[in-house]
Structure formats: structure tokens, C-alpha cells
Amino acid sequence: MKNYRISEQLLLQAVNEEMVILDPDSGRYFTLNEVGSEMLGRFRQSGDIDDTVAHIAAGYEVSEDTARRDLLTLLDELVTHGLAEAVEA
């Protein structure tokens, strides 16, 4: 099973209900909606996929399967853009 490590170089700023992510190395920025912001914030805090999934499922009244799929999609997207890396758990 893989896990993810979010780059510590990233600058994150909450703006209204969104989060802006700035990659200082590339100068690129990305935005996340409210749910994506909550997912990333919780994952950065706990570093645990299962904890983040349970938190999102409870907070947004979605199934854990849906929350897990959405979280893994987000994390894979961050990896694609060089904002995170997949690591062996």
C-alpha cells in the first residue's frame, strides 16, 4: 500500500472557502475547493489516509469509499504536479 508525502515547501493560504497552493520552486499555483481544502489540511495534519477518509466521510456525509476515492484522486493529482510524492507505507 502506498502513502503520500506532501512537499513541505508549499505555501498554502485559505481564501474564502478555497485554498490556494503556491509551489515556490516553479512559481505555479493551484486552487482547491472547500472539500479539497479540508482533505489536504487534514491529511497534512495527520499524515494518515484512513484518518482523513473517516473525517471527510463524517463531515460531508459521504461514504468512506467515496471519500477514499476522492482523496486518492487529489493526492495522485498533487503527485502529477510535483506537489507530493507517493511513498511505500
PDB file of N, CA and C in Angstrom:
ATOM      1  N   MET A   1       0.849  -1.186   0.000  1.00  0.00           N
ATOM      2  CA  MET A   1       0.000   0.000   0.000  1.00  0.00           C
ATOM      3  C   MET A   1       0.886   1.238   0.000  1.00  0.00           C
ATOM      4  N   LYS A   2       0.519   2.197  -0.813  1.00  0.00           N
ATOM      5  CA  LYS A   2       1.323   3.407  -0.845  1.00  0.00           C
ATOM      6  C   LYS A   2       0.715   4.482   0.039  1.00  0.00           C
ATOM      7  N   ASN A   3       1.561   5.398   0.426  1.00  0.00           N
ATOM      8  CA  ASN A   3       1.143   6.570   1.165  1.00  0.00           C
ATOM      9  C   ASN A   3       1.698   7.765   0.408  1.00  0.00           C
ATOM     10  N   TYR A   4       1.471   8.932   0.910  1.00  0.00           N
ATOM     11  CA  TYR A   4       1.879  10.142   0.218  1.00  0.00           C
ATOM     12  C   TYR A   4       2.575  11.088   1.183  1.00  0.00           C
ATOM     13  N   ARG A   5       3.481  11.842   0.629  1.00  0.00           N
ATOM     14  CA  ARG A   5       4.158  12.886   1.395  1.00  0.00           C
ATOM     15  C   ARG A   5       3.967  14.190   0.628  1.00  0.00           C
ATOM     16  N   ILE A   6       3.355  15.164   1.302  1.00  0.00           N
ATOM     17  CA  ILE A   6       3.125  16.478   0.714  1.00  0.00           C
ATOM     18  C   ILE A   6       4.400  17.295   0.887  1.00  0.00           C
ATOM     19  N   SER A   7       4.808  17.992  -0.158  1.00  0.00           N
ATOM     20  CA  SER A   7       6.008  18.815  -0.087  1.00  0.00           C
ATOM     21  C   SER A   7       5.860  19.860   1.013  1.00  0.00           C
ATOM     22  N   GLU A   8       6.889  19.982   1.826  1.00  0.00           N
ATOM     23  CA  GLU A   8       6.856  20.974   2.904  1.00  0.00           C
ATOM     24  C   GLU A   8       7.188  22.368   2.396  1.00  0.00           C
ATOM     25  N   GLN A   9       7.637  22.467   1.160  1.00  0.00           N
ATOM     26  CA  GLN A   9       7.983  23.753   0.551  1.00  0.00           C
ATOM     27  C   GLN A   9       6.747  24.560   0.148  1.00  0.00           C
ATOM     28  N   LEU A  10       5.611  23.881   0.036  1.00  0.00           N
ATOM     29  CA  LEU A  10       4.404  24.545  -0.459  1.00  0.00           C
ATOM     30  C   LEU A  10       3.919  25.624   0.487  1.00  0.00           C
ATOM     31  N   LEU A  11       3.405  26.679  -0.097  1.00  0.00           N
ATOM     32  CA  LEU A  11       2.775  27.745   0.670  1.00  0.00           C
ATOM     33  C   LEU A  11       1.278  27.620   0.450  1.00  0.00           C
ATOM     34  N   LEU A  12       0.525  27.491   1.542  1.00  0.00           N
ATOM     35  CA  LEU A  12      -0.918  27.325   1.461  1.00  0.00           C
ATOM     36  C   LEU A  12      -1.597  28.511   2.116  1.00  0.00           C
ATOM     37  N   GLN A  13      -2.640  28.997   1.469  1.00  0.00           N
ATOM     38  CA  GLN A  13      -3.384  30.128   2.003  1.00  0.00           C
ATOM     39  C   GLN A  13      -4.869  29.907   1.781  1.00  0.00           C
ATOM     40  N   ALA A  14      -5.634  30.002   2.862  1.00  0.00           N
ATOM     41  CA  ALA A  14      -7.090  29.897   2.745  1.00  0.00           C
ATOM     42  C   ALA A  14      -7.629  31.223   2.226  1.00  0.00           C
ATOM     43  N   VAL A  15      -8.504  31.134   1.221  1.00  0.00           N
ATOM     44  CA  VAL A  15      -9.156  32.306   0.648  1.00  0.00           C
ATOM     45  C   VAL A  15     -10.630  31.964   0.526  1.00  0.00           C
ATOM     46  N   ASN A  16     -11.436  32.611   1.349  1.00  0.00           N
ATOM     47  CA  ASN A  16     -12.853  32.273   1.459  1.00  0.00           C
ATOM     48  C   ASN A  16     -12.965  30.788   1.790  1.00  0.00           C
ATOM     49  N   GLU A  17     -13.628  30.004   0.962  1.00  0.00           N
ATOM     50  CA  GLU A  17     -13.765  28.579   1.252  1.00  0.00           C
ATOM     51  C   GLU A  17     -12.840  27.737   0.386  1.00  0.00           C
ATOM     52  N   GLU A  18     -11.867  28.370  -0.225  1.00  0.00           N
ATOM     53  CA  GLU A  18     -10.917  27.667  -1.069  1.00  0.00           C
ATOM     54  C   GLU A  18      -9.517  27.753  -0.466  1.00  0.00           C
ATOM     55  N   MET A  19      -8.625  26.982  -1.021  1.00  0.00           N
ATOM     56  CA  MET A  19      -7.232  27.039  -0.615  1.00  0.00           C
ATOM     57  C   MET A  19      -6.395  27.270  -1.862  1.00  0.00           C
ATOM     58  N   VAL A  20      -5.463  28.186  -1.754  1.00  0.00           N
ATOM     59  CA  VAL A  20      -4.518  28.435  -2.834  1.00  0.00           C
ATOM     60  C   VAL A  20      -3.200  27.804  -2.418  1.00  0.00           C
ATOM     61  N   ILE A  21      -2.633  27.025  -3.321  1.00  0.00           N
ATOM     62  CA  ILE A  21      -1.357  26.356  -3.080  1.00  0.00           C
ATOM     63  C   ILE A  21      -0.343  26.974  -4.023  1.00  0.00           C
ATOM     64  N   LEU A  22       0.750  27.482  -3.485  1.00  0.00           N
ATOM     65  CA  LEU A  22       1.820  28.036  -4.301  1.00  0.00           C
ATOM     66  C   LEU A  22       3.040  27.142  -4.173  1.00  0.00           C
ATOM     67  N   ASP A  23       3.564  26.739  -5.313  1.00  0.00           N
ATOM     68  CA  ASP A  23       4.801  25.976  -5.352  1.00  0.00           C
ATOM     69  C   ASP A  23       5.925  26.983  -5.593  1.00  0.00           C
ATOM     70  N   PRO A  24       6.700  27.332  -4.556  1.00  0.00           N
ATOM     71  CA  PRO A  24       7.720  28.363  -4.721  1.00  0.00           C
ATOM     72  C   PRO A  24       8.828  27.974  -5.695  1.00  0.00           C
ATOM     73  N   ASP A  25       9.046  26.679  -5.884  1.00  0.00           N
ATOM     74  CA  ASP A  25      10.086  26.235  -6.812  1.00  0.00           C
ATOM     75  C   ASP A  25       9.730  26.554  -8.263  1.00  0.00           C
ATOM     76  N   SER A  26       8.472  26.351  -8.618  1.00  0.00           N
ATOM     77  CA  SER A  26       8.067  26.562 -10.013  1.00  0.00           C
ATOM     78  C   SER A  26       7.332  27.877 -10.224  1.00  0.00           C
ATOM     79  N   GLY A  27       6.813  28.460  -9.127  1.00  0.00           N
ATOM     80  CA  GLY A  27       6.018  29.668  -9.249  1.00  0.00           C
ATOM     81  C   GLY A  27       4.575  29.391  -9.650  1.00  0.00           C
ATOM     82  N   ARG A  28       4.222  28.125  -9.812  1.00  0.00           N
ATOM     83  CA  ARG A  28       2.859  27.763 -10.185  1.00  0.00           C
ATOM     84  C   ARG A  28       1.963  27.762  -8.954  1.00  0.00           C
ATOM     85  N   TYR A  29       0.706  28.050  -9.182  1.00  0.00           N
ATOM     86  CA  TYR A  29      -0.252  27.970  -8.089  1.00  0.00           C
ATOM     87  C   TYR A  29      -1.469  27.176  -8.518  1.00  0.00           C
ATOM     88  N   PHE A  30      -2.135  26.629  -7.524  1.00  0.00           N
ATOM     89  CA  PHE A  30      -3.290  25.762  -7.728  1.00  0.00           C
ATOM     90  C   PHE A  30      -4.344  26.166  -6.716  1.00  0.00           C
ATOM     91  N   THR A  31      -5.592  25.893  -7.013  1.00  0.00           N
ATOM     92  CA  THR A  31      -6.662  26.155  -6.054  1.00  0.00           C
ATOM     93  C   THR A  31      -7.428  24.868  -5.780  1.00  0.00           C
ATOM     94  N   LEU A  32      -7.904  24.765  -4.552  1.00  0.00           N
ATOM     95  CA  LEU A  32      -8.747  23.644  -4.140  1.00  0.00           C
ATOM     96  C   LEU A  32     -10.060  24.198  -3.621  1.00  0.00           C
ATOM     97  N   ASN A  33     -11.144  23.489  -3.907  1.00  0.00           N
ATOM     98  CA  ASN A  33     -12.434  23.893  -3.365  1.00  0.00           C
ATOM     99  C   ASN A  33     -12.485  23.558  -1.869  1.00  0.00           C
ATOM    100  N   GLU A  34     -13.628  23.790  -1.265  1.00  0.00           N
ATOM    101  CA  GLU A  34     -13.782  23.587   0.179  1.00  0.00           C
ATOM    102  C   GLU A  34     -13.453  22.157   0.609  1.00  0.00           C
ATOM    103  N   VAL A  35     -13.969  21.172  -0.107  1.00  0.00           N
ATOM    104  CA  VAL A  35     -13.739  19.777   0.272  1.00  0.00           C
ATOM    105  C   VAL A  35     -12.270  19.407   0.059  1.00  0.00           C
ATOM    106  N   GLY A  36     -11.714  19.798  -1.067  1.00  0.00           N
ATOM    107  CA  GLY A  36     -10.298  19.543  -1.320  1.00  0.00           C
ATOM    108  C   GLY A  36      -9.411  20.193  -0.272  1.00  0.00           C
ATOM    109  N   SER A  37      -9.774  21.395   0.133  1.00  0.00           N
ATOM    110  CA  SER A  37      -9.027  22.101   1.177  1.00  0.00           C
ATOM    111  C   SER A  37      -9.069  21.339   2.491  1.00  0.00           C
ATOM    112  N   GLU A  38     -10.255  20.865   2.837  1.00  0.00           N
ATOM    113  CA  GLU A  38     -10.425  20.091   4.071  1.00  0.00           C
ATOM    114  C   GLU A  38      -9.620  18.797   4.010  1.00  0.00           C
ATOM    115  N   MET A  39      -9.669  18.125   2.871  1.00  0.00           N
ATOM    116  CA  MET A  39      -8.907  16.880   2.701  1.00  0.00           C
ATOM    117  C   MET A  39      -7.410  17.125   2.867  1.00  0.00           C
ATOM    118  N   LEU A  40      -6.902  18.113   2.154  1.00  0.00           N
ATOM    119  CA  LEU A  40      -5.471  18.374   2.205  1.00  0.00           C
ATOM    120  C   LEU A  40      -5.043  18.824   3.593  1.00  0.00           C
ATOM    121  N   GLY A  41      -5.831  19.690   4.216  1.00  0.00           N
ATOM    122  CA  GLY A  41      -5.499  20.150   5.563  1.00  0.00           C
ATOM    123  C   GLY A  41      -5.452  19.014   6.566  1.00  0.00           C
ATOM    124  N   ARG A  42      -6.453  18.149   6.511  1.00  0.00           N
ATOM    125  CA  ARG A  42      -6.497  17.011   7.444  1.00  0.00           C
ATOM    126  C   ARG A  42      -5.359  16.032   7.164  1.00  0.00           C
ATOM    127  N   PHE A  43      -5.099  15.764   5.890  1.00  0.00           N
ATOM    128  CA  PHE A  43      -4.026  14.839   5.551  1.00  0.00           C
ATOM    129  C   PHE A  43      -2.663  15.394   5.962  1.00  0.00           C
ATOM    130  N   ARG A  44      -2.440  16.671   5.760  1.00  0.00           N
ATOM    131  CA  ARG A  44      -1.158  17.267   6.188  1.00  0.00           C
ATOM    132  C   ARG A  44      -1.008  17.190   7.707  1.00  0.00           C
ATOM    133  N   GLN A  45      -2.107  17.342   8.419  1.00  0.00           N
ATOM    134  CA  GLN A  45      -2.077  17.294   9.880  1.00  0.00           C
ATOM    135  C   GLN A  45      -1.822  15.879  10.385  1.00  0.00           C
ATOM    136  N   SER A  46      -2.545  14.903   9.848  1.00  0.00           N
ATOM    137  CA  SER A  46      -2.457  13.542  10.385  1.00  0.00           C
ATOM    138  C   SER A  46      -1.458  12.664   9.631  1.00  0.00           C
ATOM    139  N   GLY A  47      -1.291  12.933   8.330  1.00  0.00           N
ATOM    140  CA  GLY A  47      -0.432  12.083   7.513  1.00  0.00           C
ATOM    141  C   GLY A  47      -0.999  10.687   7.299  1.00  0.00           C
ATOM    142  N   ASP A  48      -2.280  10.521   7.588  1.00  0.00           N
ATOM    143  CA  ASP A  48      -2.898   9.198   7.561  1.00  0.00           C
ATOM    144  C   ASP A  48      -4.114   9.198   6.648  1.00  0.00           C
ATOM    145  N   ILE A  49      -4.103   8.341   5.658  1.00  0.00           N
ATOM    146  CA  ILE A  49      -5.211   8.264   4.710  1.00  0.00           C
ATOM    147  C   ILE A  49      -6.501   7.838   5.406  1.00  0.00           C
ATOM    148  N   ASP A  50      -6.442   6.785   6.231  1.00  0.00           N
ATOM    149  CA  ASP A  50      -7.656   6.290   6.895  1.00  0.00           C
ATOM    150  C   ASP A  50      -8.285   7.347   7.796  1.00  0.00           C
ATOM    151  N   ASP A  51      -7.458   8.082   8.532  1.00  0.00           N
ATOM    152  CA  ASP A  51      -7.965   9.142   9.402  1.00  0.00           C
ATOM    153  C   ASP A  51      -8.649  10.225   8.573  1.00  0.00           C
ATOM    154  N   THR A  52      -8.021  10.608   7.481  1.00  0.00           N
ATOM    155  CA  THR A  52      -8.576  11.655   6.626  1.00  0.00           C
ATOM    156  C   THR A  52      -9.884  11.197   6.004  1.00  0.00           C
ATOM    157  N   VAL A  53      -9.938   9.962   5.544  1.00  0.00           N
ATOM    158  CA  VAL A  53     -11.155   9.408   4.947  1.00  0.00           C
ATOM    159  C   VAL A  53     -12.294   9.423   5.962  1.00  0.00           C
ATOM    160  N   ALA A  54     -12.036   8.956   7.169  1.00  0.00           N
ATOM    161  CA  ALA A  54     -13.082   8.926   8.206  1.00  0.00           C
ATOM    162  C   ALA A  54     -13.574  10.332   8.521  1.00  0.00           C
ATOM    163  N   HIS A  55     -12.659  11.276   8.605  1.00  0.00           N
ATOM    164  CA  HIS A  55     -13.008  12.668   8.907  1.00  0.00           C
ATOM    165  C   HIS A  55     -13.892  13.259   7.806  1.00  0.00           C
ATOM    166  N   ILE A  56     -13.506  13.053   6.557  1.00  0.00           N
ATOM    167  CA  ILE A  56     -14.272  13.605   5.436  1.00  0.00           C
ATOM    168  C   ILE A  56     -15.627  12.917   5.322  1.00  0.00           C
ATOM    169  N   ALA A  57     -15.666  11.602   5.471  1.00  0.00           N
ATOM    170  CA  ALA A  57     -16.934  10.872   5.376  1.00  0.00           C
ATOM    171  C   ALA A  57     -17.919  11.362   6.433  1.00  0.00           C
ATOM    172  N   ALA A  58     -17.441  11.577   7.650  1.00  0.00           N
ATOM    173  CA  ALA A  58     -18.317  12.045   8.723  1.00  0.00           C
ATOM    174  C   ALA A  58     -18.740  13.497   8.515  1.00  0.00           C
ATOM    175  N   GLY A  59     -17.817  14.320   8.073  1.00  0.00           N
ATOM    176  CA  GLY A  59     -18.092  15.747   7.950  1.00  0.00           C
ATOM    177  C   GLY A  59     -18.948  16.117   6.748  1.00  0.00           C
ATOM    178  N   TYR A  60     -18.887  15.319   5.710  1.00  0.00           N
ATOM    179  CA  TYR A  60     -19.612  15.653   4.490  1.00  0.00           C
ATOM    180  C   TYR A  60     -20.690  14.638   4.141  1.00  0.00           C
ATOM    181  N   GLU A  61     -20.943  13.718   5.042  1.00  0.00           N
ATOM    182  CA  GLU A  61     -21.998  12.724   4.871  1.00  0.00           C
ATOM    183  C   GLU A  61     -21.899  12.003   3.530  1.00  0.00           C
ATOM    184  N   VAL A  62     -20.696  11.507   3.246  1.00  0.00           N
ATOM    185  CA  VAL A  62     -20.464  10.665   2.076  1.00  0.00           C
ATOM    186  C   VAL A  62     -19.924   9.337   2.575  1.00  0.00           C
ATOM    187  N   SER A  63     -19.972   8.331   1.740  1.00  0.00           N
ATOM    188  CA  SER A  63     -19.450   7.032   2.151  1.00  0.00           C
ATOM    189  C   SER A  63     -17.929   7.100   2.248  1.00  0.00           C
ATOM    190  N   GLU A  64     -17.369   6.192   3.032  1.00  0.00           N
ATOM    191  CA  GLU A  64     -15.916   6.140   3.133  1.00  0.00           C
ATOM    192  C   GLU A  64     -15.299   5.761   1.787  1.00  0.00           C
ATOM    193  N   ASP A  65     -15.981   4.947   0.997  1.00  0.00           N
ATOM    194  CA  ASP A  65     -15.470   4.598  -0.330  1.00  0.00           C
ATOM    195  C   ASP A  65     -15.353   5.840  -1.218  1.00  0.00           C
ATOM    196  N   THR A  66     -16.376   6.675  -1.188  1.00  0.00           N
ATOM    197  CA  THR A  66     -16.352   7.909  -1.976  1.00  0.00           C
ATOM    198  C   THR A  66     -15.263   8.842  -1.471  1.00  0.00           C
ATOM    199  N   ALA A  67     -15.168   9.006  -0.155  1.00  0.00           N
ATOM    200  CA  ALA A  67     -14.147   9.879   0.423  1.00  0.00           C
ATOM    201  C   ALA A  67     -12.744   9.379   0.094  1.00  0.00           C
ATOM    202  N   ARG A  68     -12.531   8.067   0.166  1.00  0.00           N
ATOM    203  CA  ARG A  68     -11.218   7.488  -0.151  1.00  0.00           C
ATOM    204  C   ARG A  68     -10.873   7.711  -1.627  1.00  0.00           C
ATOM    205  N   ARG A  69     -11.826   7.450  -2.498  1.00  0.00           N
ATOM    206  CA  ARG A  69     -11.592   7.637  -3.933  1.00  0.00           C
ATOM    207  C   ARG A  69     -11.237   9.096  -4.230  1.00  0.00           C
ATOM    208  N   ASP A  70     -11.982  10.025  -3.635  1.00  0.00           N
ATOM    209  CA  ASP A  70     -11.726  11.449  -3.876  1.00  0.00           C
ATOM    210  C   ASP A  70     -10.375  11.879  -3.301  1.00  0.00           C
ATOM    211  N   LEU A  71     -10.040  11.386  -2.116  1.00  0.00           N
ATOM    212  CA  LEU A  71      -8.754  11.733  -1.512  1.00  0.00           C
ATOM    213  C   LEU A  71      -7.597  11.192  -2.347  1.00  0.00           C
ATOM    214  N   LEU A  72      -7.684   9.943  -2.762  1.00  0.00           N
ATOM    215  CA  LEU A  72      -6.602   9.358  -3.559  1.00  0.00           C
ATOM    216  C   LEU A  72      -6.468  10.054  -4.914  1.00  0.00           C
ATOM    217  N   THR A  73      -7.584  10.462  -5.490  1.00  0.00           N
ATOM    218  CA  THR A  73      -7.545  11.221  -6.736  1.00  0.00           C
ATOM    219  C   THR A  73      -6.820  12.549  -6.517  1.00  0.00           C
ATOM    220  N   LEU A  74      -7.150  13.232  -5.439  1.00  0.00           N
ATOM    221  CA  LEU A  74      -6.487  14.501  -5.109  1.00  0.00           C
ATOM    222  C   LEU A  74      -4.993  14.292  -4.900  1.00  0.00           C
ATOM    223  N   LEU A  75      -4.626  13.290  -4.113  1.00  0.00           N
ATOM    224  CA  LEU A  75      -3.214  13.050  -3.827  1.00  0.00           C
ATOM    225  C   LEU A  75      -2.451  12.664  -5.095  1.00  0.00           C
ATOM    226  N   ASP A  76      -3.058  11.845  -5.940  1.00  0.00           N
ATOM    227  CA  ASP A  76      -2.408  11.485  -7.205  1.00  0.00           C
ATOM    228  C   ASP A  76      -2.234  12.708  -8.102  1.00  0.00           C
ATOM    229  N   GLU A  77      -3.203  13.600  -8.083  1.00  0.00           N
ATOM    230  CA  GLU A  77      -3.108  14.837  -8.864  1.00  0.00           C
ATOM    231  C   GLU A  77      -1.958  15.714  -8.338  1.00  0.00           C
ATOM    232  N   LEU A  78      -1.806  15.767  -7.022  1.00  0.00           N
ATOM    233  CA  LEU A  78      -0.693  16.520  -6.437  1.00  0.00           C
ATOM    234  C   LEU A  78       0.646  15.916  -6.854  1.00  0.00           C
ATOM    235  N   VAL A  79       0.713  14.587  -6.894  1.00  0.00           N
ATOM    236  CA  VAL A  79       1.935  13.909  -7.339  1.00  0.00           C
ATOM    237  C   VAL A  79       2.224  14.279  -8.799  1.00  0.00           C
ATOM    238  N   THR A  80       1.197  14.252  -9.637  1.00  0.00           N
ATOM    239  CA  THR A  80       1.354  14.581 -11.055  1.00  0.00           C
ATOM    240  C   THR A  80       1.956  15.973 -11.245  1.00  0.00           C
ATOM    241  N   HIS A  81       1.586  16.901 -10.372  1.00  0.00           N
ATOM    242  CA  HIS A  81       2.064  18.281 -10.483  1.00  0.00           C
ATOM    243  C   HIS A  81       3.316  18.544  -9.649  1.00  0.00           C
ATOM    244  N   GLY A  82       3.886  17.494  -9.067  1.00  0.00           N
ATOM    245  CA  GLY A  82       5.124  17.654  -8.311  1.00  0.00           C
ATOM    246  C   GLY A  82       4.950  18.277  -6.939  1.00  0.00           C
ATOM    247  N   LEU A  83       3.726  18.265  -6.409  1.00  0.00           N
ATOM    248  CA  LEU A  83       3.445  18.866  -5.112  1.00  0.00           C
ATOM    249  C   LEU A  83       3.469  17.834  -3.984  1.00  0.00           C
ATOM    250  N   ALA A  84       3.551  16.571  -4.350  1.00  0.00           N
ATOM    251  CA  ALA A  84       3.577  15.481  -3.378  1.00  0.00           C
ATOM    252  C   ALA A  84       4.334  14.323  -4.029  1.00  0.00           C
ATOM    253  N   GLU A  85       4.656  13.345  -3.217  1.00  0.00           N
ATOM    254  CA  GLU A  85       5.275  12.134  -3.759  1.00  0.00           C
ATOM    255  C   GLU A  85       4.625  10.922  -3.125  1.00  0.00           C
ATOM    256  N   ALA A  86       4.517   9.864  -3.911  1.00  0.00           N
ATOM    257  CA  ALA A  86       3.980   8.598  -3.423  1.00  0.00           C
ATOM    258  C   ALA A  86       5.145   7.840  -2.792  1.00  0.00           C
ATOM    259  N   VAL A  87       4.925   7.302  -1.604  1.00  0.00           N
ATOM    260  CA  VAL A  87       5.957   6.563  -0.879  1.00  0.00           C
ATOM    261  C   VAL A  87       5.369   5.242  -0.409  1.00  0.00           C
ATOM    262  N   GLU A  88       6.230   4.264  -0.220  1.00  0.00           N
ATOM    263  CA  GLU A  88       5.769   2.986   0.310  1.00  0.00           C
ATOM    264  C   GLU A  88       5.433   3.163   1.791  1.00  0.00           C
ATOM    265  N   ALA A  89       4.280   2.628   2.183  1.00  0.00           N
ATOM    266  CA  ALA A  89       3.845   2.746   3.579  1.00  0.00           C
ATOM    267  C   ALA A  89       4.576   1.754   4.446  1.00  0.00           C
TER     268      ALA A  89
END
